[in-house]
Every structure is written in C-alpha cells, then in structure tokens.
Amino acid sequence: MPDPQEFITRAPHDLAGWVALFDPATLPVLADTAQALEELREAEDAVDAHRLGEALVDDPLMTIKLLAHLARLRRIDAELRPPALAEGAGARPAPEDVEDLRALGYL
C-alpha cells in the first residue's frame, strides 16, 4: 500500500488493491471539513443529514469515508438482524438482539 501522501502513479491490479487504496482510515480530511465537523459536534443532537451534507459538500474524500462507514454499519445491522426481520416477516427481535442494537447506537 503506498503512502497516503504520495500520488497514485499506477492503477491497482485488483479490487483488493482499490479497496486498500481508498481505505477510509488513510484518506485525508480537509482542514475546513474538520473545522465544520467540530462545529457540528457542539450541537450534535441538532445535526441532520442536510447539515452534515453541507459540511462535506466540498470534500469528496470525506464523503468516501462517510459512505464506507455507512456501508460497514449496514453490514453490521444485517448480521445482527434476526432472519425473520431481515426477510420482513415482522417478528420481534430477541431481547439480546435489542441490547446489541442499543449498544451500537441503533436504538
């Protein structure tokens, strides 16, 4: 994996290479975006998708970070969801599943 500060001079050979290249942990964040997020953190309960979008609109790499984070949350959600709920059968989750979802901040 190249140093994140270096320019890309060759395309990765496979999907794993592309995924590693755009690993959210290594993507830089613009200083203006970091400042805007800090300001949003102060009023975190009032932040919605629109305000977050305004903070990220000029930072495409931070947008990639956010989308990757949301994809991870969806995978976790799908793994924790009982099969009946995943299929839309309307069954109620077991109490331990509710506790897991609450611990992850979904409830």
PDB file of N, CA and C in Angstrom:
ATOM      1  N   MET A   1       0.851  -1.185   0.000  1.00  0.00           N
ATOM      2  CA  MET A   1       0.000   0.000   0.000  1.00  0.00           C
ATOM      3  C   MET A   1       0.889   1.237   0.000  1.00  0.00           C
ATOM      4  N   PRO A   2       0.678   2.155  -0.947  1.00  0.00           N
ATOM      5  CA  PRO A   2       1.500   3.354  -0.993  1.00  0.00           C
ATOM      6  C   PRO A   2       1.196   4.283   0.173  1.00  0.00           C
ATOM      7  N   ASP A   3       2.165   5.117   0.479  1.00  0.00           N
ATOM      8  CA  ASP A   3       1.984   6.140   1.496  1.00  0.00           C
ATOM      9  C   ASP A   3       0.827   7.036   1.053  1.00  0.00           C
ATOM     10  N   PRO A   4      -0.148   7.354   1.941  1.00  0.00           N
ATOM     11  CA  PRO A   4      -1.298   8.145   1.532  1.00  0.00           C
ATOM     12  C   PRO A   4      -0.929   9.547   1.061  1.00  0.00           C
ATOM     13  N   GLN A   5       0.275   9.998   1.383  1.00  0.00           N
ATOM     14  CA  GLN A   5       0.700  11.326   0.946  1.00  0.00           C
ATOM     15  C   GLN A   5       1.277  11.308  -0.471  1.00  0.00           C
ATOM     16  N   GLU A   6       1.544  10.128  -1.012  1.00  0.00           N
ATOM     17  CA  GLU A   6       2.112  10.015  -2.349  1.00  0.00           C
ATOM     18  C   GLU A   6       1.011  10.020  -3.402  1.00  0.00           C
ATOM     19  N   PHE A   7       1.386  10.454  -4.611  1.00  0.00           N
ATOM     20  CA  PHE A   7       0.452  10.423  -5.722  1.00  0.00           C
ATOM     21  C   PHE A   7       0.334   9.000  -6.251  1.00  0.00           C
ATOM     22  N   ILE A   8      -0.819   8.680  -6.808  1.00  0.00           N
ATOM     23  CA  ILE A   8      -1.018   7.381  -7.428  1.00  0.00           C
ATOM     24  C   ILE A   8      -0.363   7.428  -8.794  1.00  0.00           C
ATOM     25  N   THR A   9       0.586   6.554  -9.045  1.00  0.00           N
ATOM     26  CA  THR A   9       1.267   6.530 -10.342  1.00  0.00           C
ATOM     27  C   THR A   9       0.845   5.346 -11.192  1.00  0.00           C
ATOM     28  N   ARG A  10       0.283   4.301 -10.558  1.00  0.00           N
ATOM     29  CA  ARG A  10      -0.206   3.117 -11.266  1.00  0.00           C
ATOM     30  C   ARG A  10      -1.530   2.698 -10.659  1.00  0.00           C
ATOM     31  N   ALA A  11      -2.404   2.201 -11.497  1.00  0.00           N
ATOM     32  CA  ALA A  11      -3.681   1.695 -11.002  1.00  0.00           C
ATOM     33  C   ALA A  11      -3.450   0.367 -10.290  1.00  0.00           C
ATOM     34  N   PRO A  12      -4.175   0.146  -9.211  1.00  0.00           N
ATOM     35  CA  PRO A  12      -4.082  -1.165  -8.551  1.00  0.00           C
ATOM     36  C   PRO A  12      -4.497  -2.275  -9.515  1.00  0.00           C
ATOM     37  N   HIS A  13      -3.996  -3.482  -9.279  1.00  0.00           N
ATOM     38  CA  HIS A  13      -4.238  -4.612 -10.177  1.00  0.00           C
ATOM     39  C   HIS A  13      -5.590  -5.284  -9.965  1.00  0.00           C
ATOM     40  N   ASP A  14      -6.159  -5.153  -8.759  1.00  0.00           N
ATOM     41  CA  ASP A  14      -7.395  -5.875  -8.481  1.00  0.00           C
ATOM     42  C   ASP A  14      -8.269  -5.073  -7.522  1.00  0.00           C
ATOM     43  N   LEU A  15      -9.437  -5.615  -7.232  1.00  0.00           N
ATOM     44  CA  LEU A  15     -10.381  -4.946  -6.351  1.00  0.00           C
ATOM     45  C   LEU A  15      -9.789  -4.710  -4.969  1.00  0.00           C
ATOM     46  N   ALA A  16      -9.081  -5.687  -4.449  1.00  0.00           N
ATOM     47  CA  ALA A  16      -8.473  -5.541  -3.120  1.00  0.00           C
ATOM     48  C   ALA A  16      -7.500  -4.365  -3.097  1.00  0.00           C
ATOM     49  N   GLY A  17      -6.776  -4.166  -4.192  1.00  0.00           N
ATOM     50  CA  GLY A  17      -5.860  -3.032  -4.286  1.00  0.00           C
ATOM     51  C   GLY A  17      -6.594  -1.701  -4.248  1.00  0.00           C
ATOM     52  N   TRP A  18      -7.716  -1.630  -4.968  1.00  0.00           N
ATOM     53  CA  TRP A  18      -8.525  -0.403  -4.958  1.00  0.00           C
ATOM     54  C   TRP A  18      -9.115  -0.156  -3.581  1.00  0.00           C
ATOM     55  N   VAL A  19      -9.590  -1.213  -2.946  1.00  0.00           N
ATOM     56  CA  VAL A  19     -10.167  -1.066  -1.608  1.00  0.00           C
ATOM     57  C   VAL A  19      -9.100  -0.555  -0.646  1.00  0.00           C
ATOM     58  N   ALA A  20      -7.907  -1.129  -0.712  1.00  0.00           N
ATOM     59  CA  ALA A  20      -6.815  -0.689   0.162  1.00  0.00           C
ATOM     60  C   ALA A  20      -6.435   0.763  -0.125  1.00  0.00           C
ATOM     61  N   LEU A  21      -6.473   1.134  -1.395  1.00  0.00           N
ATOM     62  CA  LEU A  21      -6.111   2.499  -1.778  1.00  0.00           C
ATOM     63  C   LEU A  21      -7.074   3.512  -1.182  1.00  0.00           C
ATOM     64  N   PHE A  22      -8.345   3.151  -1.143  1.00  0.00           N
ATOM     65  CA  PHE A  22      -9.351   4.066  -0.619  1.00  0.00           C
ATOM     66  C   PHE A  22      -9.824   3.673   0.777  1.00  0.00           C
ATOM     67  N   ASP A  23      -8.960   3.039   1.537  1.00  0.00           N
ATOM     68  CA  ASP A  23      -9.260   2.704   2.924  1.00  0.00           C
ATOM     69  C   ASP A  23      -9.576   3.997   3.668  1.00  0.00           C
ATOM     70  N   PRO A  24     -10.776   4.113   4.245  1.00  0.00           N
ATOM     71  CA  PRO A  24     -11.158   5.356   4.911  1.00  0.00           C
ATOM     72  C   PRO A  24     -10.201   5.793   6.010  1.00  0.00           C
ATOM     73  N   ALA A  25      -9.526   4.854   6.634  1.00  0.00           N
ATOM     74  CA  ALA A  25      -8.604   5.219   7.712  1.00  0.00           C
ATOM     75  C   ALA A  25      -7.410   6.010   7.195  1.00  0.00           C
ATOM     76  N   THR A  26      -7.082   5.860   5.916  1.00  0.00           N
ATOM     77  CA  THR A  26      -5.900   6.541   5.389  1.00  0.00           C
ATOM     78  C   THR A  26      -6.234   7.765   4.541  1.00  0.00           C
ATOM     79  N   LEU A  27      -7.511   8.010   4.284  1.00  0.00           N
ATOM     80  CA  LEU A  27      -7.879   9.156   3.462  1.00  0.00           C
ATOM     81  C   LEU A  27      -7.766  10.442   4.271  1.00  0.00           C
ATOM     82  N   PRO A  28      -7.145  11.458   3.707  1.00  0.00           N
ATOM     83  CA  PRO A  28      -7.015  12.728   4.436  1.00  0.00           C
ATOM     84  C   PRO A  28      -8.347  13.476   4.465  1.00  0.00           C
ATOM     85  N   VAL A  29      -8.487  14.363   5.428  1.00  0.00           N
ATOM     86  CA  VAL A  29      -9.672  15.214   5.558  1.00  0.00           C
ATOM     87  C   VAL A  29      -9.208  16.651   5.436  1.00  0.00           C
ATOM     88  N   LEU A  30      -9.950  17.446   4.655  1.00  0.00           N
ATOM     89  CA  LEU A  30      -9.599  18.854   4.505  1.00  0.00           C
ATOM     90  C   LEU A  30      -9.759  19.580   5.838  1.00  0.00           C
ATOM     91  N   ALA A  31      -8.898  20.555   6.075  1.00  0.00           N
ATOM     92  CA  ALA A  31      -8.947  21.305   7.333  1.00  0.00           C
ATOM     93  C   ALA A  31     -10.301  21.986   7.518  1.00  0.00           C
ATOM     94  N   ASP A  32     -10.865  22.539   6.438  1.00  0.00           N
ATOM     95  CA  ASP A  32     -12.176  23.192   6.539  1.00  0.00           C
ATOM     96  C   ASP A  32     -13.258  22.193   6.950  1.00  0.00           C
ATOM     97  N   THR A  33     -13.170  20.974   6.434  1.00  0.00           N
ATOM     98  CA  THR A  33     -14.142  19.940   6.791  1.00  0.00           C
ATOM     99  C   THR A  33     -13.991  19.562   8.255  1.00  0.00           C
ATOM    100  N   ALA A  34     -12.768  19.389   8.706  1.00  0.00           N
ATOM    101  CA  ALA A  34     -12.527  19.046  10.109  1.00  0.00           C
ATOM    102  C   ALA A  34     -13.092  20.128  11.030  1.00  0.00           C
ATOM    103  N   GLN A  35     -12.893  21.400  10.650  1.00  0.00           N
ATOM    104  CA  GLN A  35     -13.423  22.510  11.450  1.00  0.00           C
ATOM    105  C   GLN A  35     -14.947  22.493  11.458  1.00  0.00           C
ATOM    106  N   ALA A  36     -15.566  22.269  10.297  1.00  0.00           N
ATOM    107  CA  ALA A  36     -17.029  22.235  10.209  1.00  0.00           C
ATOM    108  C   ALA A  36     -17.595  21.087  11.049  1.00  0.00           C
ATOM    109  N   LEU A  37     -16.922  19.939  11.030  1.00  0.00           N
ATOM    110  CA  LEU A  37     -17.385  18.801  11.829  1.00  0.00           C
ATOM    111  C   LEU A  37     -17.254  19.080  13.323  1.00  0.00           C
ATOM    112  N   GLU A  38     -16.203  19.777  13.706  1.00  0.00           N
ATOM    113  CA  GLU A  38     -16.047  20.152  15.116  1.00  0.00           C
ATOM    114  C   GLU A  38     -17.179  21.075  15.547  1.00  0.00           C
ATOM    115  N   GLU A  39     -17.555  22.008  14.672  1.00  0.00           N
ATOM    116  CA  GLU A  39     -18.660  22.912  14.990  1.00  0.00           C
ATOM    117  C   GLU A  39     -19.973  22.131  15.101  1.00  0.00           C
ATOM    118  N   LEU A  40     -20.169  21.148  14.230  1.00  0.00           N
ATOM    119  CA  LEU A  40     -21.376  20.326  14.298  1.00  0.00           C
ATOM    120  C   LEU A  40     -21.396  19.468  15.561  1.00  0.00           C
ATOM    121  N   ARG A  41     -20.226  19.056  15.999  1.00  0.00           N
ATOM    122  CA  ARG A  41     -20.137  18.220  17.203  1.00  0.00           C
ATOM    123  C   ARG A  41     -20.701  18.948  18.420  1.00  0.00           C
ATOM    124  N   GLU A  42     -20.530  20.274  18.458  1.00  0.00           N
ATOM    125  CA  GLU A  42     -21.017  21.065  19.588  1.00  0.00           C
ATOM    126  C   GLU A  42     -22.544  21.027  19.704  1.00  0.00           C
ATOM    127  N   ALA A  43     -23.233  20.839  18.572  1.00  0.00           N
ATOM    128  CA  ALA A  43     -24.706  20.764  18.561  1.00  0.00           C
ATOM    129  C   ALA A  43     -25.133  19.432  17.969  1.00  0.00           C
ATOM    130  N   GLU A  44     -24.483  18.379  18.370  1.00  0.00           N
ATOM    131  CA  GLU A  44     -24.640  17.056  17.757  1.00  0.00           C
ATOM    132  C   GLU A  44     -26.089  16.560  17.707  1.00  0.00           C
ATOM    133  N   ASP A  45     -26.899  16.883  18.711  1.00  0.00           N
ATOM    134  CA  ASP A  45     -28.289  16.421  18.706  1.00  0.00           C
ATOM    135  C   ASP A  45     -29.137  17.131  17.661  1.00  0.00           C
ATOM    136  N   ALA A  46     -28.680  18.271  17.175  1.00  0.00           N
ATOM    137  CA  ALA A  46     -29.437  19.035  16.183  1.00  0.00           C
ATOM    138  C   ALA A  46     -28.948  18.780  14.755  1.00  0.00           C
ATOM    139  N   VAL A  47     -27.939  17.933  14.607  1.00  0.00           N
ATOM    140  CA  VAL A  47     -27.365  17.680  13.279  1.00  0.00           C
ATOM    141  C   VAL A  47     -28.227  16.678  12.536  1.00  0.00           C
ATOM    142  N   ASP A  48     -28.542  17.012  11.289  1.00  0.00           N
ATOM    143  CA  ASP A  48     -29.281  16.088  10.438  1.00  0.00           C
ATOM    144  C   ASP A  48     -28.470  15.857   9.161  1.00  0.00           C
ATOM    145  N   ALA A  49     -28.989  15.028   8.272  1.00  0.00           N
ATOM    146  CA  ALA A  49     -28.267  14.687   7.041  1.00  0.00           C
ATOM    147  C   ALA A  49     -27.998  15.921   6.186  1.00  0.00           C
ATOM    148  N   HIS A  50     -28.926  16.856   6.169  1.00  0.00           N
ATOM    149  CA  HIS A  50     -28.745  18.073   5.363  1.00  0.00           C
ATOM    150  C   HIS A  50     -27.552  18.890   5.872  1.00  0.00           C
ATOM    151  N   ARG A  51     -27.491  19.111   7.172  1.00  0.00           N
ATOM    152  CA  ARG A  51     -26.370  19.886   7.735  1.00  0.00           C
ATOM    153  C   ARG A  51     -25.049  19.156   7.549  1.00  0.00           C
ATOM    154  N   LEU A  52     -25.066  17.850   7.715  1.00  0.00           N
ATOM    155  CA  LEU A  52     -23.848  17.068   7.507  1.00  0.00           C
ATOM    156  C   LEU A  52     -23.418  17.153   6.042  1.00  0.00           C
ATOM    157  N   GLY A  53     -24.373  17.051   5.131  1.00  0.00           N
ATOM    158  CA  GLY A  53     -24.072  17.168   3.706  1.00  0.00           C
ATOM    159  C   GLY A  53     -23.456  18.503   3.357  1.00  0.00           C
ATOM    160  N   GLU A  54     -23.959  19.566   3.956  1.00  0.00           N
ATOM    161  CA  GLU A  54     -23.377  20.893   3.711  1.00  0.00           C
ATOM    162  C   GLU A  54     -21.923  20.956   4.174  1.00  0.00           C
ATOM    163  N   ALA A  55     -21.617  20.279   5.268  1.00  0.00           N
ATOM    164  CA  ALA A  55     -20.247  20.279   5.801  1.00  0.00           C
ATOM    165  C   ALA A  55     -19.303  19.483   4.913  1.00  0.00           C
ATOM    166  N   LEU A  56     -19.839  18.477   4.201  1.00  0.00           N
ATOM    167  CA  LEU A  56     -18.991  17.585   3.408  1.00  0.00           C
ATOM    168  C   LEU A  56     -18.975  17.894   1.923  1.00  0.00           C
ATOM    169  N   VAL A  57     -19.796  18.817   1.471  1.00  0.00           N
ATOM    170  CA  VAL A  57     -20.013  19.026   0.043  1.00  0.00           C
ATOM    171  C   VAL A  57     -18.720  19.308  -0.740  1.00  0.00           C
ATOM    172  N   ASP A  58     -17.758  19.935  -0.128  1.00  0.00           N
ATOM    173  CA  ASP A  58     -16.526  20.286  -0.841  1.00  0.00           C
ATOM    174  C   ASP A  58     -15.363  19.338  -0.546  1.00  0.00           C
ATOM    175  N   ASP A  59     -15.645  18.217   0.093  1.00  0.00           N
ATOM    176  CA  ASP A  59     -14.582  17.281   0.465  1.00  0.00           C
ATOM    177  C   ASP A  59     -14.951  15.871  -0.011  1.00  0.00           C
ATOM    178  N   PRO A  60     -14.613  15.537  -1.258  1.00  0.00           N
ATOM    179  CA  PRO A  60     -15.010  14.231  -1.797  1.00  0.00           C
ATOM    180  C   PRO A  60     -14.398  13.051  -1.047  1.00  0.00           C
ATOM    181  N   LEU A  61     -13.207  13.195  -0.506  1.00  0.00           N
ATOM    182  CA  LEU A  61     -12.594  12.082   0.217  1.00  0.00           C
ATOM    183  C   LEU A  61     -13.310  11.825   1.541  1.00  0.00           C
ATOM    184  N   MET A  62     -13.769  12.884   2.194  1.00  0.00           N
ATOM    185  CA  MET A  62     -14.538  12.698   3.425  1.00  0.00           C
ATOM    186  C   MET A  62     -15.878  12.056   3.094  1.00  0.00           C
ATOM    187  N   THR A  63     -16.437  12.372   1.945  1.00  0.00           N
ATOM    188  CA  THR A  63     -17.676  11.737   1.507  1.00  0.00           C
ATOM    189  C   THR A  63     -17.451  10.236   1.347  1.00  0.00           C
ATOM    190  N   ILE A  64     -16.309   9.846   0.772  1.00  0.00           N
ATOM    191  CA  ILE A  64     -15.979   8.422   0.648  1.00  0.00           C
ATOM    192  C   ILE A  64     -15.886   7.789   2.038  1.00  0.00           C
ATOM    193  N   LYS A  65     -15.244   8.485   2.984  1.00  0.00           N
ATOM    194  CA  LYS A  65     -15.138   7.966   4.351  1.00  0.00           C
ATOM    195  C   LYS A  65     -16.525   7.733   4.946  1.00  0.00           C
ATOM    196  N   LEU A  66     -17.413   8.706   4.761  1.00  0.00           N
ATOM    197  CA  LEU A  66     -18.752   8.587   5.316  1.00  0.00           C
ATOM    198  C   LEU A  66     -19.508   7.426   4.681  1.00  0.00           C
ATOM    199  N   LEU A  67     -19.445   7.315   3.364  1.00  0.00           N
ATOM    200  CA  LEU A  67     -20.150   6.230   2.682  1.00  0.00           C
ATOM    201  C   LEU A  67     -19.602   4.857   3.090  1.00  0.00           C
ATOM    202  N   ALA A  68     -18.290   4.763   3.262  1.00  0.00           N
ATOM    203  CA  ALA A  68     -17.688   3.498   3.708  1.00  0.00           C
ATOM    204  C   ALA A  68     -18.154   3.164   5.124  1.00  0.00           C
ATOM    205  N   HIS A  69     -18.228   4.176   5.973  1.00  0.00           N
ATOM    206  CA  HIS A  69     -18.703   3.960   7.353  1.00  0.00           C
ATOM    207  C   HIS A  69     -20.154   3.482   7.344  1.00  0.00           C
ATOM    208  N   LEU A  70     -20.989   4.107   6.541  1.00  0.00           N
ATOM    209  CA  LEU A  70     -22.389   3.696   6.457  1.00  0.00           C
ATOM    210  C   LEU A  70     -22.524   2.277   5.920  1.00  0.00           C
ATOM    211  N   ALA A  71     -21.679   1.917   4.955  1.00  0.00           N
ATOM    212  CA  ALA A  71     -21.717   0.547   4.422  1.00  0.00           C
ATOM    213  C   ALA A  71     -21.354  -0.460   5.509  1.00  0.00           C
ATOM    214  N   ARG A  72     -20.351  -0.127   6.338  1.00  0.00           N
ATOM    215  CA  ARG A  72     -19.979  -1.014   7.442  1.00  0.00           C
ATOM    216  C   ARG A  72     -21.133  -1.170   8.427  1.00  0.00           C
ATOM    217  N   LEU A  73     -21.812  -0.055   8.738  1.00  0.00           N
ATOM    218  CA  LEU A  73     -22.942  -0.116   9.657  1.00  0.00           C
ATOM    219  C   LEU A  73     -24.069  -0.975   9.091  1.00  0.00           C
ATOM    220  N   ARG A  74     -24.297  -0.876   7.784  1.00  0.00           N
ATOM    221  CA  ARG A  74     -25.339  -1.698   7.161  1.00  0.00           C
ATOM    222  C   ARG A  74     -24.990  -3.181   7.259  1.00  0.00           C
ATOM    223  N   ARG A  75     -23.698  -3.505   7.049  1.00  0.00           N
ATOM    224  CA  ARG A  75     -23.296  -4.909   7.162  1.00  0.00           C
ATOM    225  C   ARG A  75     -23.488  -5.405   8.583  1.00  0.00           C
ATOM    226  N   ILE A  76     -23.108  -4.600   9.564  1.00  0.00           N
ATOM    227  CA  ILE A  76     -23.278  -4.976  10.969  1.00  0.00           C
ATOM    228  C   ILE A  76     -24.764  -5.155  11.260  1.00  0.00           C
ATOM    229  N   ASP A  77     -25.573  -4.230  10.784  1.00  0.00           N
ATOM    230  CA  ASP A  77     -27.012  -4.307  11.002  1.00  0.00           C
ATOM    231  C   ASP A  77     -27.583  -5.589  10.399  1.00  0.00           C
ATOM    232  N   ALA A  78     -27.163  -5.913   9.194  1.00  0.00           N
ATOM    233  CA  ALA A  78     -27.657  -7.119   8.526  1.00  0.00           C
ATOM    234  C   ALA A  78     -27.214  -8.381   9.277  1.00  0.00           C
ATOM    235  N   GLU A  79     -26.009  -8.360   9.840  1.00  0.00           N
ATOM    236  CA  GLU A  79     -25.510  -9.519  10.572  1.00  0.00           C
ATOM    237  C   GLU A  79     -26.234  -9.706  11.904  1.00  0.00           C
ATOM    238  N   LEU A  80     -26.624  -8.602  12.545  1.00  0.00           N
ATOM    239  CA  LEU A  80     -27.275  -8.684  13.849  1.00  0.00           C
ATOM    240  C   LEU A  80     -28.774  -8.924  13.745  1.00  0.00           C
ATOM    241  N   ARG A  81     -29.343  -8.596  12.609  1.00  0.00           N
ATOM    242  CA  ARG A  81     -30.790  -8.710  12.457  1.00  0.00           C
ATOM    243  C   ARG A  81     -31.203 -10.175  12.375  1.00  0.00           C
ATOM    244  N   PRO A  82     -32.180 -10.562  13.170  1.00  0.00           N
ATOM    245  CA  PRO A  82     -32.670 -11.942  13.075  1.00  0.00           C
ATOM    246  C   PRO A  82     -33.212 -12.209  11.672  1.00  0.00           C
ATOM    247  N   PRO A  83     -33.079 -13.440  11.168  1.00  0.00           N
ATOM    248  CA  PRO A  83     -33.519 -13.745   9.800  1.00  0.00           C
ATOM    249  C   PRO A  83     -34.957 -13.345   9.517  1.00  0.00           C
ATOM    250  N   ALA A  84     -35.844 -13.514  10.488  1.00  0.00           N
ATOM    251  CA  ALA A  84     -37.247 -13.152  10.257  1.00  0.00           C
ATOM    252  C   ALA A  84     -37.393 -11.668   9.973  1.00  0.00           C
ATOM    253  N   LEU A  85     -36.623 -10.822  10.668  1.00  0.00           N
ATOM    254  CA  LEU A  85     -36.693  -9.383  10.423  1.00  0.00           C
ATOM    255  C   LEU A  85     -36.048  -9.026   9.095  1.00  0.00           C
ATOM    256  N   ALA A  86     -34.965  -9.691   8.775  1.00  0.00           N
ATOM    257  CA  ALA A  86     -34.279  -9.406   7.516  1.00  0.00           C
ATOM    258  C   ALA A  86     -35.188  -9.699   6.339  1.00  0.00           C
ATOM    259  N   GLU A  87     -36.080 -10.689   6.485  1.00  0.00           N
ATOM    260  CA  GLU A  87     -36.989 -11.047   5.416  1.00  0.00           C
ATOM    261  C   GLU A  87     -38.275 -10.246   5.472  1.00  0.00           C
ATOM    262  N   GLY A  88     -38.422  -9.370   6.465  1.00  0.00           N
ATOM    263  CA  GLY A  88     -39.607  -8.537   6.564  1.00  0.00           C
ATOM    264  C   GLY A  88     -40.821  -9.260   7.123  1.00  0.00           C
ATOM    265  N   ALA A  89     -40.635 -10.324   7.874  1.00  0.00           N
ATOM    266  CA  ALA A  89     -41.761 -11.096   8.389  1.00  0.00           C
ATOM    267  C   ALA A  89     -42.457 -10.408   9.552  1.00  0.00           C
ATOM    268  N   GLY A  90     -41.837  -9.365  10.103  1.00  0.00           N
ATOM    269  CA  GLY A  90     -42.472  -8.621  11.171  1.00  0.00           C
ATOM    270  C   GLY A  90     -42.288  -9.221  12.552  1.00  0.00           C
ATOM    271  N   ALA A  91     -41.454 -10.219  12.702  1.00  0.00           N
ATOM    272  CA  ALA A  91     -41.209 -10.814  14.017  1.00  0.00           C
ATOM    273  C   ALA A  91     -40.438  -9.833  14.884  1.00  0.00           C
ATOM    274  N   ARG A  92     -40.600  -9.959  16.182  1.00  0.00           N
ATOM    275  CA  ARG A  92     -39.885  -9.073  17.092  1.00  0.00           C
ATOM    276  C   ARG A  92     -38.509  -9.672  17.393  1.00  0.00           C
ATOM    277  N   PRO A  93     -37.479  -8.803  17.517  1.00  0.00           N
ATOM    278  CA  PRO A  93     -36.138  -9.316  17.830  1.00  0.00           C
ATOM    279  C   PRO A  93     -36.073  -9.822  19.270  1.00  0.00           C
ATOM    280  N   ALA A  94     -35.165 -10.743  19.483  1.00  0.00           N
ATOM    281  CA  ALA A  94     -34.931 -11.261  20.831  1.00  0.00           C
ATOM    282  C   ALA A  94     -34.354 -10.153  21.702  1.00  0.00           C
ATOM    283  N   PRO A  95     -34.599 -10.188  23.019  1.00  0.00           N
ATOM    284  CA  PRO A  95     -34.092  -9.129  23.908  1.00  0.00           C
ATOM    285  C   PRO A  95     -32.587  -8.907  23.786  1.00  0.00           C
ATOM    286  N   GLU A  96     -31.819  -9.994  23.614  1.00  0.00           N
ATOM    287  CA  GLU A  96     -30.360  -9.803  23.500  1.00  0.00           C
ATOM    288  C   GLU A  96     -29.992  -9.077  22.216  1.00  0.00           C
ATOM    289  N   ASP A  97     -30.777  -9.263  21.140  1.00  0.00           N
ATOM    290  CA  ASP A  97     -30.517  -8.532  19.904  1.00  0.00           C
ATOM    291  C   ASP A  97     -30.820  -7.053  20.081  1.00  0.00           C
ATOM    292  N   VAL A  98     -31.874  -6.748  20.820  1.00  0.00           N
ATOM    293  CA  VAL A  98     -32.225  -5.352  21.095  1.00  0.00           C
ATOM    294  C   VAL A  98     -31.093  -4.700  21.875  1.00  0.00           C
ATOM    295  N   GLU A  99     -30.542  -5.418  22.852  1.00  0.00           N
ATOM    296  CA  GLU A  99     -29.427  -4.870  23.625  1.00  0.00           C
ATOM    297  C   GLU A  99     -28.217  -4.596  22.738  1.00  0.00           C
ATOM    298  N   ASP A 100     -27.918  -5.508  21.803  1.00  0.00           N
ATOM    299  CA  ASP A 100     -26.804  -5.304  20.877  1.00  0.00           C
ATOM    300  C   ASP A 100     -27.041  -4.067  20.019  1.00  0.00           C
ATOM    301  N   LEU A 101     -28.245  -3.922  19.495  1.00  0.00           N
ATOM    302  CA  LEU A 101     -28.563  -2.769  18.651  1.00  0.00           C
ATOM    303  C   LEU A 101     -28.483  -1.475  19.456  1.00  0.00           C
ATOM    304  N   ARG A 102     -28.935  -1.530  20.717  1.00  0.00           N
ATOM    305  CA  ARG A 102     -28.853  -0.344  21.565  1.00  0.00           C
ATOM    306  C   ARG A 102     -27.391   0.015  21.835  1.00  0.00           C
ATOM    307  N   ALA A 103     -26.567  -0.987  22.086  1.00  0.00           N
ATOM    308  CA  ALA A 103     -25.142  -0.744  22.348  1.00  0.00           C
ATOM    309  C   ALA A 103     -24.442  -0.139  21.155  1.00  0.00           C
ATOM    310  N   LEU A 104     -24.897  -0.499  19.949  1.00  0.00           N
ATOM    311  CA  LEU A 104     -24.299   0.055  18.732  1.00  0.00           C
ATOM    312  C   LEU A 104     -24.888   1.409  18.357  1.00  0.00           C
ATOM    313  N   GLY A 105     -25.874   1.858  19.110  1.00  0.00           N
ATOM    314  CA  GLY A 105     -26.454   3.176  18.857  1.00  0.00           C
ATOM    315  C   GLY A 105     -27.587   3.190  17.856  1.00  0.00           C
ATOM    316  N   TYR A 106     -28.120   2.018  17.505  1.00  0.00           N
ATOM    317  CA  TYR A 106     -29.222   1.972  16.556  1.00  0.00           C
ATOM    318  C   TYR A 106     -30.563   2.260  17.203  1.00  0.00           C
ATOM    319  N   LEU A 107     -30.688   2.051  18.504  1.00  0.00           N
ATOM    320  CA  LEU A 107     -31.959   2.274  19.192  1.00  0.00           C
ATOM    321  C   LEU A 107     -31.765   3.266  20.303  1.00  0.00           C
TER     322      LEU A 107
END
